[in-house]
């Protein structure tokens, strides 16, 4: 038995239920990672609130999915990599760009490559990106405010990635075709 079972709206602690209901309404189901995360109302409510803000940013949904997929791969989060592969494709991110990210590379499109490279640098360097890394992002047409929005996406996805690594929720059947395995260390 898992230390972190996938909770439902009915079995989750009462403070987590409204956020689970929001996710049910948004996705048509409660993602397994959310069901695992719901065991901690402070974690779960903070995560949902931050994700709502991320999706209200100036970044497009496709750009956000590129960031989330990059973060999942960089953090070796198997559940999140599969989930965000599906969502990136749904948002119109070119399949070749999705595959490049899944294999540790960069998208071919310059703006998406700048987003992905910045996200990876933020994670790998614990926020200490170099001036050339930052300037590549700006030279791709992004603003200083959008760099801060990328930090918000990284923060939100870190919650998901770390929870996935610890809780190891099952991958829903709808995402099985996008299963991803982290390379061996």
N, C-alpha and C. Protein backbone atom coordinates (compact mmCIF):
# COMPACT_ATOMS: atom_id res chain seq x y z
N UNK A 1 0.85 -1.19 0.00
CA UNK A 1 0.00 0.00 0.00
C UNK A 1 0.89 1.25 0.00
N UNK A 2 0.50 2.19 -0.85
CA UNK A 2 1.27 3.43 -0.97
C UNK A 2 1.11 4.29 0.28
N UNK A 3 2.18 4.97 0.60
CA UNK A 3 2.15 5.92 1.70
C UNK A 3 1.21 7.08 1.37
N UNK A 4 1.03 7.35 0.09
CA UNK A 4 0.18 8.45 -0.39
C UNK A 4 -0.87 7.93 -1.36
N UNK A 5 -1.98 7.45 -0.86
CA UNK A 5 -3.03 6.98 -1.76
C UNK A 5 -3.61 8.14 -2.56
N UNK A 6 -4.18 7.82 -3.69
CA UNK A 6 -4.83 8.82 -4.51
C UNK A 6 -6.22 9.05 -3.93
N UNK A 7 -6.38 10.22 -3.31
CA UNK A 7 -7.64 10.55 -2.65
C UNK A 7 -8.66 11.05 -3.67
N UNK A 8 -9.90 10.92 -3.32
CA UNK A 8 -11.00 11.41 -4.15
C UNK A 8 -11.61 12.63 -3.47
N UNK A 9 -12.55 13.24 -4.14
CA UNK A 9 -13.25 14.38 -3.52
C UNK A 9 -13.90 13.93 -2.22
N UNK A 10 -14.43 12.71 -2.18
CA UNK A 10 -15.09 12.22 -0.97
C UNK A 10 -14.13 11.79 0.12
N UNK A 11 -12.94 11.29 -0.25
CA UNK A 11 -12.03 10.77 0.77
C UNK A 11 -10.96 11.77 1.21
N UNK A 12 -10.83 12.87 0.52
CA UNK A 12 -9.81 13.87 0.86
C UNK A 12 -10.21 14.64 2.12
N UNK A 13 -9.23 15.21 2.82
CA UNK A 13 -9.56 16.08 3.95
C UNK A 13 -10.47 17.23 3.47
N UNK A 14 -11.37 17.63 4.28
CA UNK A 14 -12.35 18.66 3.91
C UNK A 14 -11.71 19.91 3.31
N UNK A 15 -10.59 20.43 3.84
CA UNK A 15 -10.02 21.64 3.24
C UNK A 15 -9.52 21.46 1.80
N UNK A 16 -9.23 20.23 1.40
CA UNK A 16 -8.75 19.98 0.03
C UNK A 16 -9.89 19.79 -0.96
N UNK A 17 -11.08 19.54 -0.50
CA UNK A 17 -12.18 19.18 -1.40
C UNK A 17 -12.56 20.28 -2.39
N UNK A 18 -12.64 21.55 -1.99
CA UNK A 18 -13.00 22.57 -3.00
C UNK A 18 -12.00 22.64 -4.15
N UNK A 19 -10.72 22.52 -3.87
CA UNK A 19 -9.72 22.56 -4.93
C UNK A 19 -9.82 21.32 -5.82
N UNK A 20 -10.10 20.15 -5.24
CA UNK A 20 -10.31 18.95 -6.04
C UNK A 20 -11.52 19.12 -6.95
N UNK A 21 -12.56 19.76 -6.44
CA UNK A 21 -13.75 20.01 -7.26
C UNK A 21 -13.43 20.96 -8.42
N UNK A 22 -12.55 21.94 -8.18
CA UNK A 22 -12.13 22.85 -9.25
C UNK A 22 -11.40 22.07 -10.34
N UNK A 23 -10.51 21.18 -9.94
CA UNK A 23 -9.78 20.39 -10.92
C UNK A 23 -10.70 19.45 -11.68
N UNK A 24 -11.66 18.87 -10.97
CA UNK A 24 -12.65 18.00 -11.62
C UNK A 24 -13.40 18.79 -12.70
N UNK A 25 -13.77 20.02 -12.38
CA UNK A 25 -14.49 20.86 -13.34
C UNK A 25 -13.59 21.24 -14.52
N UNK A 26 -12.32 21.52 -14.26
CA UNK A 26 -11.40 21.96 -15.31
C UNK A 26 -11.01 20.82 -16.25
N UNK A 27 -10.73 19.64 -15.70
CA UNK A 27 -10.22 18.53 -16.50
C UNK A 27 -11.26 17.47 -16.82
N UNK A 28 -12.35 17.45 -16.09
CA UNK A 28 -13.33 16.38 -16.24
C UNK A 28 -12.99 15.16 -15.40
N UNK A 29 -11.90 15.23 -14.66
CA UNK A 29 -11.47 14.18 -13.75
C UNK A 29 -10.48 14.81 -12.77
N UNK A 30 -10.17 14.10 -11.71
CA UNK A 30 -9.16 14.56 -10.76
C UNK A 30 -7.86 13.85 -11.10
N UNK A 31 -6.84 14.60 -11.57
CA UNK A 31 -5.57 13.94 -11.86
C UNK A 31 -5.02 13.21 -10.63
N UNK A 32 -4.41 12.06 -10.86
CA UNK A 32 -3.89 11.24 -9.76
C UNK A 32 -2.92 12.02 -8.88
N UNK A 33 -2.10 12.86 -9.48
CA UNK A 33 -1.14 13.64 -8.69
C UNK A 33 -1.87 14.55 -7.72
N UNK A 34 -3.00 15.11 -8.16
CA UNK A 34 -3.79 15.99 -7.28
C UNK A 34 -4.40 15.18 -6.15
N UNK A 35 -4.85 13.97 -6.46
CA UNK A 35 -5.41 13.12 -5.42
C UNK A 35 -4.38 12.77 -4.37
N UNK A 36 -3.14 12.58 -4.78
CA UNK A 36 -2.07 12.30 -3.81
C UNK A 36 -1.71 13.55 -3.02
N UNK A 37 -1.64 14.67 -3.70
CA UNK A 37 -1.28 15.93 -3.07
C UNK A 37 -2.34 16.40 -2.06
N UNK A 38 -3.57 16.03 -2.29
CA UNK A 38 -4.68 16.49 -1.46
C UNK A 38 -4.57 16.04 -0.01
N UNK A 39 -3.71 15.07 0.27
CA UNK A 39 -3.52 14.62 1.65
C UNK A 39 -2.98 15.75 2.53
N UNK A 40 -2.34 16.73 1.92
CA UNK A 40 -1.83 17.90 2.65
C UNK A 40 -2.57 19.14 2.17
N UNK A 41 -3.63 19.56 2.86
CA UNK A 41 -4.35 20.75 2.42
C UNK A 41 -3.47 21.99 2.23
N UNK A 42 -2.49 22.28 3.10
CA UNK A 42 -1.67 23.47 2.83
C UNK A 42 -0.89 23.37 1.51
N UNK A 43 -0.31 22.21 1.25
CA UNK A 43 0.41 22.01 -0.01
C UNK A 43 -0.53 22.12 -1.18
N UNK A 44 -1.64 21.43 -1.10
CA UNK A 44 -2.56 21.34 -2.22
C UNK A 44 -3.21 22.68 -2.53
N UNK A 45 -3.67 23.37 -1.53
CA UNK A 45 -4.31 24.67 -1.75
C UNK A 45 -3.30 25.69 -2.27
N UNK A 46 -2.07 25.65 -1.78
CA UNK A 46 -1.03 26.54 -2.29
C UNK A 46 -0.72 26.25 -3.75
N UNK A 47 -0.64 24.98 -4.08
CA UNK A 47 -0.39 24.55 -5.46
C UNK A 47 -1.49 25.04 -6.40
N UNK A 48 -2.74 24.79 -6.04
CA UNK A 48 -3.85 25.17 -6.91
C UNK A 48 -3.90 26.69 -7.08
N UNK A 49 -3.70 27.43 -6.00
CA UNK A 49 -3.71 28.89 -6.09
C UNK A 49 -2.61 29.40 -7.01
N UNK A 50 -1.41 28.84 -6.89
CA UNK A 50 -0.30 29.26 -7.72
C UNK A 50 -0.56 28.90 -9.18
N UNK A 51 -1.09 27.72 -9.44
CA UNK A 51 -1.37 27.33 -10.81
C UNK A 51 -2.44 28.21 -11.44
N UNK A 52 -3.42 28.63 -10.66
CA UNK A 52 -4.42 29.55 -11.21
C UNK A 52 -3.75 30.84 -11.66
N UNK A 53 -2.81 31.34 -10.89
CA UNK A 53 -2.10 32.56 -11.26
C UNK A 53 -1.21 32.34 -12.48
N UNK A 54 -0.55 31.21 -12.55
CA UNK A 54 0.30 30.89 -13.69
C UNK A 54 -0.52 30.91 -14.98
N UNK A 55 -1.69 30.31 -14.95
CA UNK A 55 -2.52 30.25 -16.15
C UNK A 55 -3.21 31.57 -16.46
N UNK A 56 -3.09 32.54 -15.59
CA UNK A 56 -3.62 33.88 -15.83
C UNK A 56 -2.49 34.84 -16.23
N UNK A 57 -1.30 34.31 -16.48
CA UNK A 57 -0.14 35.15 -16.82
C UNK A 57 -0.21 35.58 -18.28
N UNK A 58 0.80 36.30 -18.73
CA UNK A 58 0.86 36.76 -20.12
C UNK A 58 1.39 35.68 -21.06
N UNK A 59 1.87 34.57 -20.53
CA UNK A 59 2.35 33.48 -21.37
C UNK A 59 1.16 32.73 -21.96
N UNK A 60 1.33 32.22 -23.16
CA UNK A 60 0.25 31.44 -23.78
C UNK A 60 0.19 30.06 -23.12
N UNK A 61 -0.91 29.38 -23.32
CA UNK A 61 -1.04 28.03 -22.77
C UNK A 61 0.00 27.08 -23.38
N UNK A 62 0.29 27.24 -24.66
CA UNK A 62 1.33 26.42 -25.27
C UNK A 62 2.69 26.69 -24.65
N UNK A 63 3.02 27.95 -24.41
CA UNK A 63 4.28 28.30 -23.77
C UNK A 63 4.35 27.73 -22.35
N UNK A 64 3.25 27.82 -21.63
CA UNK A 64 3.21 27.27 -20.27
C UNK A 64 3.45 25.76 -20.31
N UNK A 65 2.85 25.08 -21.27
CA UNK A 65 3.05 23.63 -21.36
C UNK A 65 4.49 23.28 -21.72
N UNK A 66 5.13 24.09 -22.56
CA UNK A 66 6.55 23.87 -22.86
C UNK A 66 7.36 23.98 -21.57
N UNK A 67 7.06 24.99 -20.77
CA UNK A 67 7.76 25.14 -19.49
C UNK A 67 7.49 23.96 -18.57
N UNK A 68 6.24 23.56 -18.45
CA UNK A 68 5.89 22.47 -17.54
C UNK A 68 6.51 21.15 -17.98
N UNK A 69 6.54 20.90 -19.29
CA UNK A 69 7.16 19.67 -19.77
C UNK A 69 8.67 19.72 -19.55
N UNK A 70 9.28 20.85 -19.85
CA UNK A 70 10.72 21.01 -19.59
C UNK A 70 11.04 20.76 -18.13
N UNK A 71 10.24 21.33 -17.25
CA UNK A 71 10.47 21.17 -15.82
C UNK A 71 10.32 19.71 -15.41
N UNK A 72 9.30 19.04 -15.92
CA UNK A 72 9.09 17.63 -15.57
C UNK A 72 10.28 16.78 -16.00
N UNK A 73 10.77 17.01 -17.20
CA UNK A 73 11.91 16.23 -17.70
C UNK A 73 13.16 16.57 -16.90
N UNK A 74 13.40 17.85 -16.66
CA UNK A 74 14.59 18.28 -15.92
C UNK A 74 14.58 17.72 -14.50
N UNK A 75 13.39 17.65 -13.89
CA UNK A 75 13.26 17.10 -12.54
C UNK A 75 13.02 15.59 -12.53
N UNK A 76 13.05 14.96 -13.70
CA UNK A 76 12.85 13.51 -13.83
C UNK A 76 11.54 13.05 -13.20
N UNK A 77 10.48 13.81 -13.44
CA UNK A 77 9.15 13.48 -12.91
C UNK A 77 8.34 12.76 -13.99
N UNK A 78 8.24 11.46 -13.85
CA UNK A 78 7.63 10.64 -14.89
C UNK A 78 6.15 10.92 -15.09
N UNK A 79 5.39 11.04 -14.01
CA UNK A 79 3.96 11.32 -14.15
C UNK A 79 3.77 12.65 -14.85
N UNK A 80 4.45 13.69 -14.38
CA UNK A 80 4.28 15.03 -14.95
C UNK A 80 4.74 15.09 -16.40
N UNK A 81 5.79 14.37 -16.76
CA UNK A 81 6.26 14.39 -18.15
C UNK A 81 5.19 13.82 -19.08
N UNK A 82 4.55 12.73 -18.69
CA UNK A 82 3.48 12.15 -19.51
C UNK A 82 2.29 13.10 -19.60
N UNK A 83 1.87 13.62 -18.47
CA UNK A 83 0.71 14.52 -18.41
C UNK A 83 0.94 15.76 -19.27
N UNK A 84 2.10 16.39 -19.13
CA UNK A 84 2.36 17.63 -19.86
C UNK A 84 2.72 17.39 -21.33
N UNK A 85 3.13 16.18 -21.67
CA UNK A 85 3.26 15.83 -23.08
C UNK A 85 1.88 15.91 -23.72
N UNK A 86 0.91 15.27 -23.10
CA UNK A 86 -0.46 15.27 -23.64
C UNK A 86 -1.00 16.69 -23.73
N UNK A 87 -0.81 17.49 -22.69
CA UNK A 87 -1.35 18.85 -22.71
C UNK A 87 -0.62 19.75 -23.70
N UNK A 88 0.70 19.57 -23.84
CA UNK A 88 1.45 20.37 -24.81
C UNK A 88 0.94 20.09 -26.23
N UNK A 89 0.76 18.83 -26.55
CA UNK A 89 0.25 18.47 -27.87
C UNK A 89 -1.15 19.03 -28.08
N UNK A 90 -1.98 18.96 -27.05
CA UNK A 90 -3.34 19.50 -27.13
C UNK A 90 -3.32 21.01 -27.36
N UNK A 91 -2.31 21.69 -26.82
CA UNK A 91 -2.20 23.14 -26.98
C UNK A 91 -1.51 23.53 -28.29
N UNK A 92 -1.18 22.57 -29.12
CA UNK A 92 -0.62 22.86 -30.43
C UNK A 92 0.88 22.99 -30.49
N UNK A 93 1.58 22.57 -29.42
CA UNK A 93 3.04 22.57 -29.49
C UNK A 93 3.42 21.50 -30.50
N UNK A 94 4.28 21.84 -31.47
CA UNK A 94 4.63 20.86 -32.50
C UNK A 94 5.18 19.56 -31.91
N UNK A 95 4.73 18.42 -32.42
CA UNK A 95 5.21 17.14 -31.90
C UNK A 95 6.73 17.01 -31.87
N UNK A 96 7.42 17.54 -32.87
CA UNK A 96 8.89 17.46 -32.88
C UNK A 96 9.48 18.24 -31.71
N UNK A 97 8.86 19.36 -31.35
CA UNK A 97 9.35 20.14 -30.21
C UNK A 97 9.08 19.41 -28.90
N UNK A 98 7.92 18.77 -28.80
CA UNK A 98 7.60 17.98 -27.61
C UNK A 98 8.62 16.85 -27.46
N UNK A 99 8.90 16.14 -28.54
CA UNK A 99 9.86 15.04 -28.49
C UNK A 99 11.26 15.52 -28.14
N UNK A 100 11.64 16.68 -28.67
CA UNK A 100 12.96 17.23 -28.33
C UNK A 100 13.07 17.46 -26.83
N UNK A 101 12.05 18.05 -26.24
CA UNK A 101 12.07 18.30 -24.80
C UNK A 101 12.12 16.99 -24.03
N UNK A 102 11.31 16.02 -24.44
CA UNK A 102 11.27 14.72 -23.76
C UNK A 102 12.62 14.01 -23.80
N UNK A 103 13.45 14.33 -24.79
CA UNK A 103 14.77 13.71 -24.92
C UNK A 103 15.88 14.62 -24.40
N UNK A 104 15.51 15.67 -23.66
CA UNK A 104 16.51 16.54 -23.05
C UNK A 104 17.04 17.63 -23.96
N UNK A 105 16.43 17.80 -25.12
CA UNK A 105 16.85 18.83 -26.05
C UNK A 105 15.97 20.06 -25.97
N UNK A 106 16.14 20.92 -26.95
CA UNK A 106 15.36 22.15 -27.01
C UNK A 106 14.44 22.12 -28.22
N UNK A 107 13.30 22.79 -28.12
CA UNK A 107 12.42 22.91 -29.28
C UNK A 107 13.14 23.61 -30.44
N UNK A 108 12.68 23.37 -31.64
CA UNK A 108 13.26 24.01 -32.81
C UNK A 108 12.86 25.46 -32.96
N UNK A 109 11.67 25.80 -32.51
CA UNK A 109 11.18 27.18 -32.62
C UNK A 109 11.90 28.04 -31.59
N UNK A 110 12.44 29.19 -32.03
CA UNK A 110 13.34 30.00 -31.20
C UNK A 110 12.73 30.46 -29.88
N UNK A 111 11.49 30.93 -29.90
CA UNK A 111 10.88 31.41 -28.64
C UNK A 111 10.66 30.26 -27.66
N UNK A 112 10.19 29.13 -28.19
CA UNK A 112 9.99 27.98 -27.30
C UNK A 112 11.33 27.47 -26.78
N UNK A 113 12.36 27.50 -27.61
CA UNK A 113 13.69 27.08 -27.17
C UNK A 113 14.20 27.99 -26.07
N UNK A 114 13.97 29.29 -26.19
CA UNK A 114 14.41 30.24 -25.16
C UNK A 114 13.68 29.98 -23.84
N UNK A 115 12.39 29.70 -23.91
CA UNK A 115 11.62 29.36 -22.70
C UNK A 115 12.15 28.10 -22.05
N UNK A 116 12.32 27.07 -22.86
CA UNK A 116 12.76 25.78 -22.35
C UNK A 116 14.15 25.88 -21.75
N UNK A 117 15.05 26.57 -22.43
CA UNK A 117 16.42 26.71 -21.94
C UNK A 117 16.45 27.48 -20.62
N UNK A 118 15.64 28.53 -20.50
CA UNK A 118 15.62 29.30 -19.26
C UNK A 118 15.08 28.45 -18.11
N UNK A 119 14.01 27.71 -18.36
CA UNK A 119 13.44 26.86 -17.30
C UNK A 119 14.46 25.83 -16.83
N UNK A 120 15.12 25.19 -17.78
CA UNK A 120 16.12 24.18 -17.42
C UNK A 120 17.25 24.81 -16.60
N UNK A 121 17.71 25.99 -17.02
CA UNK A 121 18.79 26.67 -16.29
C UNK A 121 18.34 27.07 -14.89
N UNK A 122 17.11 27.55 -14.75
CA UNK A 122 16.61 27.91 -13.43
C UNK A 122 16.64 26.72 -12.48
N UNK A 123 16.21 25.56 -12.98
CA UNK A 123 16.17 24.36 -12.14
C UNK A 123 17.59 23.85 -11.86
N UNK A 124 18.37 23.69 -12.91
CA UNK A 124 19.71 23.10 -12.73
C UNK A 124 20.65 23.99 -11.93
N UNK A 125 20.46 25.30 -12.04
CA UNK A 125 21.36 26.23 -11.35
C UNK A 125 20.70 26.87 -10.13
N UNK A 126 19.58 26.29 -9.71
CA UNK A 126 18.86 26.76 -8.52
C UNK A 126 18.62 28.27 -8.55
N UNK A 127 18.20 28.76 -9.70
CA UNK A 127 17.84 30.16 -9.86
C UNK A 127 18.96 31.09 -10.25
N UNK A 128 20.16 30.60 -10.32
CA UNK A 128 21.32 31.45 -10.62
C UNK A 128 21.66 31.37 -12.11
N UNK A 129 20.79 31.94 -12.95
CA UNK A 129 21.05 31.93 -14.38
C UNK A 129 22.09 32.99 -14.73
N UNK A 130 22.83 32.73 -15.78
CA UNK A 130 23.86 33.67 -16.22
C UNK A 130 23.23 34.80 -17.02
N UNK A 131 23.98 35.86 -17.19
CA UNK A 131 23.51 36.98 -18.01
C UNK A 131 23.26 36.52 -19.45
N UNK A 132 24.13 35.73 -20.07
CA UNK A 132 23.83 35.26 -21.43
C UNK A 132 22.55 34.40 -21.49
N UNK A 133 22.30 33.58 -20.46
CA UNK A 133 21.06 32.78 -20.45
C UNK A 133 19.84 33.69 -20.34
N UNK A 134 19.94 34.67 -19.50
CA UNK A 134 18.84 35.63 -19.34
C UNK A 134 18.64 36.43 -20.62
N UNK A 135 19.74 36.88 -21.22
CA UNK A 135 19.64 37.68 -22.44
C UNK A 135 19.08 36.89 -23.62
N UNK A 136 19.37 35.59 -23.68
CA UNK A 136 18.78 34.76 -24.74
C UNK A 136 17.26 34.80 -24.64
N UNK A 137 16.76 34.75 -23.43
CA UNK A 137 15.32 34.83 -23.19
C UNK A 137 14.78 36.19 -23.66
N UNK A 138 15.44 37.26 -23.27
CA UNK A 138 15.01 38.60 -23.67
C UNK A 138 15.12 38.79 -25.19
N UNK A 139 16.19 38.28 -25.78
CA UNK A 139 16.39 38.43 -27.23
C UNK A 139 15.35 37.65 -28.03
N UNK A 140 14.69 36.69 -27.41
CA UNK A 140 13.62 35.95 -28.07
C UNK A 140 12.30 36.71 -28.01
N UNK A 141 12.32 37.90 -27.41
CA UNK A 141 11.12 38.74 -27.38
C UNK A 141 10.33 38.71 -26.09
N UNK A 142 10.88 38.10 -25.06
CA UNK A 142 10.21 38.06 -23.76
C UNK A 142 10.64 39.24 -22.90
N UNK A 143 9.80 39.60 -21.96
CA UNK A 143 10.05 40.76 -21.10
C UNK A 143 10.60 40.34 -19.74
N UNK A 144 11.06 41.34 -19.00
CA UNK A 144 11.53 41.11 -17.64
C UNK A 144 10.40 40.58 -16.76
N UNK A 145 9.19 41.07 -16.97
CA UNK A 145 8.04 40.58 -16.20
C UNK A 145 7.77 39.11 -16.52
N UNK A 146 7.94 38.74 -17.77
CA UNK A 146 7.70 37.34 -18.15
C UNK A 146 8.76 36.41 -17.56
N UNK A 147 9.95 36.91 -17.33
CA UNK A 147 10.95 36.09 -16.65
C UNK A 147 10.44 35.74 -15.25
N UNK A 148 9.82 36.70 -14.59
CA UNK A 148 9.26 36.42 -13.26
C UNK A 148 8.09 35.43 -13.36
N UNK A 149 7.32 35.51 -14.44
CA UNK A 149 6.24 34.55 -14.65
C UNK A 149 6.80 33.14 -14.85
N UNK A 150 7.93 33.02 -15.53
CA UNK A 150 8.57 31.72 -15.70
C UNK A 150 8.96 31.16 -14.34
N UNK A 151 9.45 32.02 -13.46
CA UNK A 151 9.80 31.57 -12.10
C UNK A 151 8.55 31.02 -11.41
N UNK A 152 7.40 31.65 -11.60
CA UNK A 152 6.16 31.15 -11.00
C UNK A 152 5.80 29.77 -11.56
N UNK A 153 5.99 29.58 -12.86
CA UNK A 153 5.71 28.27 -13.46
C UNK A 153 6.66 27.22 -12.88
N UNK A 154 7.94 27.56 -12.77
CA UNK A 154 8.91 26.63 -12.20
C UNK A 154 8.52 26.27 -10.76
N UNK A 155 8.11 27.27 -9.99
CA UNK A 155 7.73 27.01 -8.60
C UNK A 155 6.52 26.08 -8.53
N UNK A 156 5.51 26.35 -9.34
CA UNK A 156 4.31 25.51 -9.33
C UNK A 156 4.62 24.09 -9.77
N UNK A 157 5.41 23.96 -10.82
CA UNK A 157 5.70 22.62 -11.31
C UNK A 157 6.63 21.86 -10.39
N UNK A 158 7.44 22.57 -9.64
CA UNK A 158 8.30 21.88 -8.67
C UNK A 158 7.45 21.16 -7.64
N UNK A 159 6.35 21.76 -7.24
CA UNK A 159 5.44 21.11 -6.30
C UNK A 159 4.93 19.79 -6.91
N UNK A 160 4.48 19.85 -8.15
CA UNK A 160 3.99 18.65 -8.82
C UNK A 160 5.10 17.62 -9.01
N UNK A 161 6.24 18.07 -9.50
CA UNK A 161 7.35 17.16 -9.78
C UNK A 161 7.82 16.44 -8.53
N UNK A 162 8.01 17.18 -7.45
CA UNK A 162 8.49 16.56 -6.22
C UNK A 162 7.44 15.64 -5.62
N UNK A 163 6.18 16.05 -5.67
CA UNK A 163 5.12 15.18 -5.17
C UNK A 163 5.07 13.89 -5.99
N UNK A 164 5.19 14.01 -7.30
CA UNK A 164 5.17 12.83 -8.15
C UNK A 164 6.32 11.88 -7.84
N UNK A 165 7.49 12.45 -7.57
CA UNK A 165 8.65 11.61 -7.26
C UNK A 165 8.51 10.89 -5.93
N UNK A 166 7.84 11.51 -4.99
CA UNK A 166 7.67 10.90 -3.66
C UNK A 166 6.43 10.00 -3.61
N UNK A 167 5.30 10.50 -4.13
CA UNK A 167 4.04 9.76 -4.02
C UNK A 167 3.91 8.67 -5.09
N UNK A 168 4.56 8.85 -6.25
CA UNK A 168 4.51 7.90 -7.35
C UNK A 168 3.07 7.50 -7.71
N UNK A 169 2.23 8.47 -8.04
CA UNK A 169 0.84 8.14 -8.38
C UNK A 169 0.77 7.35 -9.69
N UNK A 170 -0.28 6.58 -9.85
CA UNK A 170 -0.42 5.83 -11.10
C UNK A 170 -0.70 6.79 -12.26
N UNK A 171 -0.23 6.42 -13.43
CA UNK A 171 -0.48 7.21 -14.62
C UNK A 171 -1.83 6.80 -15.19
N UNK A 172 -2.69 7.78 -15.38
CA UNK A 172 -4.03 7.52 -15.90
C UNK A 172 -3.95 6.89 -17.29
N UNK A 173 -4.93 6.08 -17.60
CA UNK A 173 -4.96 5.40 -18.90
C UNK A 173 -4.88 6.39 -20.06
N UNK A 174 -5.50 7.54 -19.92
CA UNK A 174 -5.50 8.54 -20.99
C UNK A 174 -4.10 9.04 -21.32
N UNK A 175 -3.15 8.87 -20.40
CA UNK A 175 -1.79 9.37 -20.62
C UNK A 175 -0.77 8.26 -20.84
N UNK A 176 -1.23 7.01 -20.84
CA UNK A 176 -0.32 5.88 -21.01
C UNK A 176 0.49 5.97 -22.30
N UNK A 177 -0.12 6.48 -23.36
CA UNK A 177 0.58 6.59 -24.64
C UNK A 177 1.76 7.57 -24.57
N UNK A 178 1.75 8.41 -23.54
CA UNK A 178 2.81 9.42 -23.39
C UNK A 178 3.75 9.10 -22.24
N UNK A 179 3.68 7.86 -21.76
CA UNK A 179 4.55 7.47 -20.63
C UNK A 179 6.00 7.82 -20.96
N UNK A 180 6.70 8.25 -19.94
CA UNK A 180 8.10 8.69 -20.08
C UNK A 180 8.88 8.13 -18.90
N UNK A 181 10.06 7.68 -19.17
CA UNK A 181 10.94 7.16 -18.11
C UNK A 181 12.17 8.03 -18.02
N UNK A 182 12.51 8.39 -16.81
CA UNK A 182 13.72 9.18 -16.58
C UNK A 182 14.93 8.33 -16.93
N UNK A 183 15.93 8.96 -17.55
CA UNK A 183 17.15 8.20 -17.84
C UNK A 183 17.81 7.74 -16.54
N UNK A 184 18.46 6.62 -16.61
CA UNK A 184 19.18 6.10 -15.42
C UNK A 184 20.29 7.07 -15.05
N UNK A 185 20.47 7.28 -13.73
CA UNK A 185 21.52 8.23 -13.30
C UNK A 185 22.91 7.73 -13.61
